[in-house]
N, C-alpha and C. Protein backbone atom coordinates (compact mmCIF):
# COMPACT_ATOMS: atom_id res chain seq x y z
N MET A 1 28.29 -37.73 -0.34
CA MET A 1 28.37 -36.86 -1.49
C MET A 1 26.94 -36.56 -1.96
N LEU A 2 26.72 -35.28 -2.30
CA LEU A 2 25.39 -34.86 -2.72
C LEU A 2 25.14 -35.25 -4.18
N SER A 3 23.92 -35.70 -4.40
CA SER A 3 23.54 -36.04 -5.78
C SER A 3 23.16 -34.76 -6.52
N TYR A 4 22.98 -34.88 -7.81
CA TYR A 4 22.59 -33.74 -8.64
C TYR A 4 21.26 -33.17 -8.17
N ASN A 5 20.31 -34.05 -7.84
CA ASN A 5 18.99 -33.60 -7.36
C ASN A 5 19.10 -32.85 -6.03
N ASP A 6 19.99 -33.34 -5.14
CA ASP A 6 20.19 -32.67 -3.85
C ASP A 6 20.73 -31.26 -4.06
N LYS A 7 21.64 -31.10 -5.01
CA LYS A 7 22.20 -29.78 -5.29
C LYS A 7 21.13 -28.84 -5.84
N ILE A 8 20.27 -29.37 -6.69
CA ILE A 8 19.17 -28.56 -7.24
C ILE A 8 18.24 -28.12 -6.12
N ILE A 9 17.92 -29.04 -5.21
CA ILE A 9 17.02 -28.72 -4.09
C ILE A 9 17.67 -27.68 -3.18
N GLU A 10 18.95 -27.80 -2.92
CA GLU A 10 19.65 -26.80 -2.10
C GLU A 10 19.61 -25.43 -2.76
N ASN A 11 19.80 -25.41 -4.07
CA ASN A 11 19.77 -24.16 -4.83
C ASN A 11 18.37 -23.53 -4.76
N ILE A 12 17.35 -24.35 -4.92
CA ILE A 12 15.97 -23.85 -4.83
C ILE A 12 15.70 -23.32 -3.42
N ASN A 13 16.16 -24.04 -2.40
CA ASN A 13 15.99 -23.59 -1.01
C ASN A 13 16.64 -22.24 -0.78
N ALA A 14 17.85 -22.08 -1.26
CA ALA A 14 18.57 -20.81 -1.09
C ALA A 14 17.82 -19.68 -1.77
N LYS A 15 17.30 -19.93 -2.96
CA LYS A 15 16.55 -18.90 -3.68
C LYS A 15 15.24 -18.57 -2.98
N LEU A 16 14.59 -19.57 -2.41
CA LEU A 16 13.35 -19.33 -1.66
C LEU A 16 13.62 -18.51 -0.41
N GLU A 17 14.73 -18.77 0.27
CA GLU A 17 15.08 -17.99 1.46
C GLU A 17 15.34 -16.53 1.09
N THR A 18 16.01 -16.32 -0.04
CA THR A 18 16.25 -14.96 -0.51
C THR A 18 14.94 -14.27 -0.84
N LEU A 19 14.04 -14.99 -1.51
CA LEU A 19 12.74 -14.44 -1.86
C LEU A 19 11.93 -14.09 -0.61
N CYS A 20 11.94 -14.96 0.38
CA CYS A 20 11.21 -14.70 1.63
C CYS A 20 11.77 -13.48 2.35
N SER A 21 13.08 -13.37 2.35
CA SER A 21 13.73 -12.22 2.98
C SER A 21 13.33 -10.93 2.27
N SER A 22 13.31 -10.97 0.95
CA SER A 22 12.91 -9.80 0.16
C SER A 22 11.45 -9.43 0.44
N ALA A 23 10.60 -10.43 0.53
CA ALA A 23 9.18 -10.19 0.80
C ALA A 23 9.00 -9.55 2.18
N LYS A 24 9.74 -10.03 3.17
CA LYS A 24 9.66 -9.45 4.52
C LYS A 24 10.13 -8.00 4.51
N SER A 25 11.20 -7.73 3.78
CA SER A 25 11.70 -6.36 3.68
C SER A 25 10.67 -5.46 3.01
N GLN A 26 10.04 -5.95 1.96
CA GLN A 26 9.03 -5.17 1.25
C GLN A 26 7.83 -4.90 2.15
N THR A 27 7.41 -5.89 2.92
CA THR A 27 6.30 -5.72 3.85
C THR A 27 6.62 -4.65 4.88
N SER A 28 7.83 -4.71 5.41
CA SER A 28 8.26 -3.71 6.39
C SER A 28 8.26 -2.31 5.78
N PHE A 29 8.76 -2.20 4.57
CA PHE A 29 8.79 -0.92 3.87
C PHE A 29 7.37 -0.41 3.64
N ASN A 30 6.47 -1.29 3.21
CA ASN A 30 5.07 -0.91 2.97
C ASN A 30 4.41 -0.39 4.24
N LYS A 31 4.68 -1.05 5.38
CA LYS A 31 4.10 -0.61 6.65
C LYS A 31 4.61 0.78 7.01
N MET A 32 5.90 1.04 6.76
CA MET A 32 6.48 2.34 7.06
C MET A 32 5.80 3.42 6.20
N ILE A 33 5.61 3.12 4.91
CA ILE A 33 4.96 4.07 4.01
C ILE A 33 3.51 4.31 4.44
N GLU A 34 2.79 3.25 4.80
CA GLU A 34 1.41 3.41 5.27
C GLU A 34 1.35 4.31 6.49
N THR A 35 2.28 4.13 7.41
CA THR A 35 2.33 4.97 8.61
C THR A 35 2.57 6.42 8.25
N GLN A 36 3.51 6.65 7.33
CA GLN A 36 3.81 8.03 6.93
C GLN A 36 2.61 8.67 6.22
N ILE A 37 1.92 7.91 5.39
CA ILE A 37 0.73 8.44 4.70
C ILE A 37 -0.35 8.77 5.73
N ALA A 38 -0.54 7.91 6.71
CA ALA A 38 -1.54 8.16 7.75
C ALA A 38 -1.19 9.41 8.54
N GLN A 39 0.10 9.61 8.83
CA GLN A 39 0.52 10.80 9.56
C GLN A 39 0.29 12.06 8.73
N ILE A 40 0.57 11.99 7.44
CA ILE A 40 0.35 13.14 6.56
C ILE A 40 -1.14 13.45 6.48
N ALA A 41 -1.95 12.41 6.30
CA ALA A 41 -3.40 12.60 6.21
C ALA A 41 -3.95 13.22 7.49
N ALA A 42 -3.44 12.78 8.63
CA ALA A 42 -3.92 13.31 9.91
C ALA A 42 -3.50 14.76 10.11
N SER A 43 -2.42 15.15 9.48
CA SER A 43 -1.93 16.52 9.67
C SER A 43 -2.60 17.53 8.76
N ILE A 44 -3.36 17.07 7.77
CA ILE A 44 -4.06 17.99 6.86
C ILE A 44 -5.25 18.58 7.60
N LEU A 45 -5.32 19.87 7.58
CA LEU A 45 -6.45 20.53 8.26
C LEU A 45 -7.70 20.45 7.41
N VAL A 46 -8.80 20.12 8.05
CA VAL A 46 -10.08 20.06 7.36
C VAL A 46 -10.83 21.35 7.70
N THR A 47 -11.35 22.01 6.67
CA THR A 47 -12.04 23.28 6.89
C THR A 47 -13.41 23.03 7.51
N ASP A 48 -14.08 24.14 7.87
CA ASP A 48 -15.39 23.99 8.51
C ASP A 48 -16.44 23.43 7.56
N THR A 49 -16.17 23.42 6.25
CA THR A 49 -17.12 22.81 5.31
C THR A 49 -16.78 21.34 5.11
N GLU A 50 -15.84 20.85 5.90
CA GLU A 50 -15.39 19.46 5.85
C GLU A 50 -14.78 19.11 4.50
N ARG A 51 -14.15 20.09 3.87
CA ARG A 51 -13.41 19.84 2.64
C ARG A 51 -11.94 19.97 2.94
N ILE A 52 -11.16 19.14 2.33
CA ILE A 52 -9.71 19.23 2.45
C ILE A 52 -9.28 20.41 1.58
N PRO A 53 -8.38 21.26 2.08
CA PRO A 53 -7.92 22.38 1.26
C PRO A 53 -7.42 21.89 -0.10
N GLY A 54 -7.89 22.55 -1.17
CA GLY A 54 -7.49 22.17 -2.51
C GLY A 54 -8.43 21.17 -3.16
N GLN A 55 -9.35 20.62 -2.38
CA GLN A 55 -10.29 19.64 -2.93
C GLN A 55 -11.32 20.37 -3.79
N LEU A 56 -11.66 19.79 -4.93
CA LEU A 56 -12.65 20.39 -5.80
C LEU A 56 -14.01 20.38 -5.12
N GLU A 57 -14.78 21.43 -5.37
CA GLU A 57 -16.10 21.51 -4.77
C GLU A 57 -17.08 20.64 -5.55
N THR A 58 -17.90 19.90 -4.83
CA THR A 58 -18.89 19.04 -5.46
C THR A 58 -20.22 19.78 -5.50
N SER A 59 -20.81 19.80 -6.66
CA SER A 59 -22.10 20.47 -6.82
C SER A 59 -23.20 19.55 -6.28
N THR A 60 -24.02 20.07 -5.37
CA THR A 60 -25.11 19.26 -4.82
C THR A 60 -26.17 19.00 -5.88
N GLU A 61 -26.30 19.93 -6.85
CA GLU A 61 -27.26 19.70 -7.93
C GLU A 61 -26.87 18.47 -8.73
N PHE A 62 -25.57 18.32 -9.00
CA PHE A 62 -25.09 17.17 -9.74
C PHE A 62 -25.34 15.89 -8.95
N VAL A 63 -25.11 15.93 -7.65
CA VAL A 63 -25.31 14.76 -6.80
C VAL A 63 -26.76 14.34 -6.81
N HIS A 64 -27.69 15.31 -6.69
CA HIS A 64 -29.12 14.99 -6.72
C HIS A 64 -29.53 14.45 -8.08
N ALA A 65 -28.99 15.04 -9.13
CA ALA A 65 -29.35 14.59 -10.48
C ALA A 65 -28.91 13.16 -10.73
N THR A 66 -27.74 12.79 -10.24
CA THR A 66 -27.26 11.43 -10.49
C THR A 66 -27.92 10.41 -9.59
N THR A 67 -28.40 10.82 -8.42
CA THR A 67 -29.03 9.85 -7.51
C THR A 67 -30.51 9.65 -7.83
N GLU A 68 -31.09 10.56 -8.57
CA GLU A 68 -32.51 10.46 -8.87
C GLU A 68 -32.80 9.72 -10.16
N GLU A 69 -31.78 9.35 -10.91
CA GLU A 69 -31.99 8.66 -12.18
C GLU A 69 -32.52 7.28 -12.00
């Protein structure tokens, strides 16, 4: 017959197994999302000025001013 402490330990074990399973599922989901983001990023065409379409233009004057301070 299981003691009270044994039942508590079994309950904790069951909850840890559920938590581990959830963590593995989340990791798998994250990897899938990372892959999809990488595929989307690779499919974006880069213009000849090496800017992504829709990206704000950076002023070179501003860049020089901030690097010379």
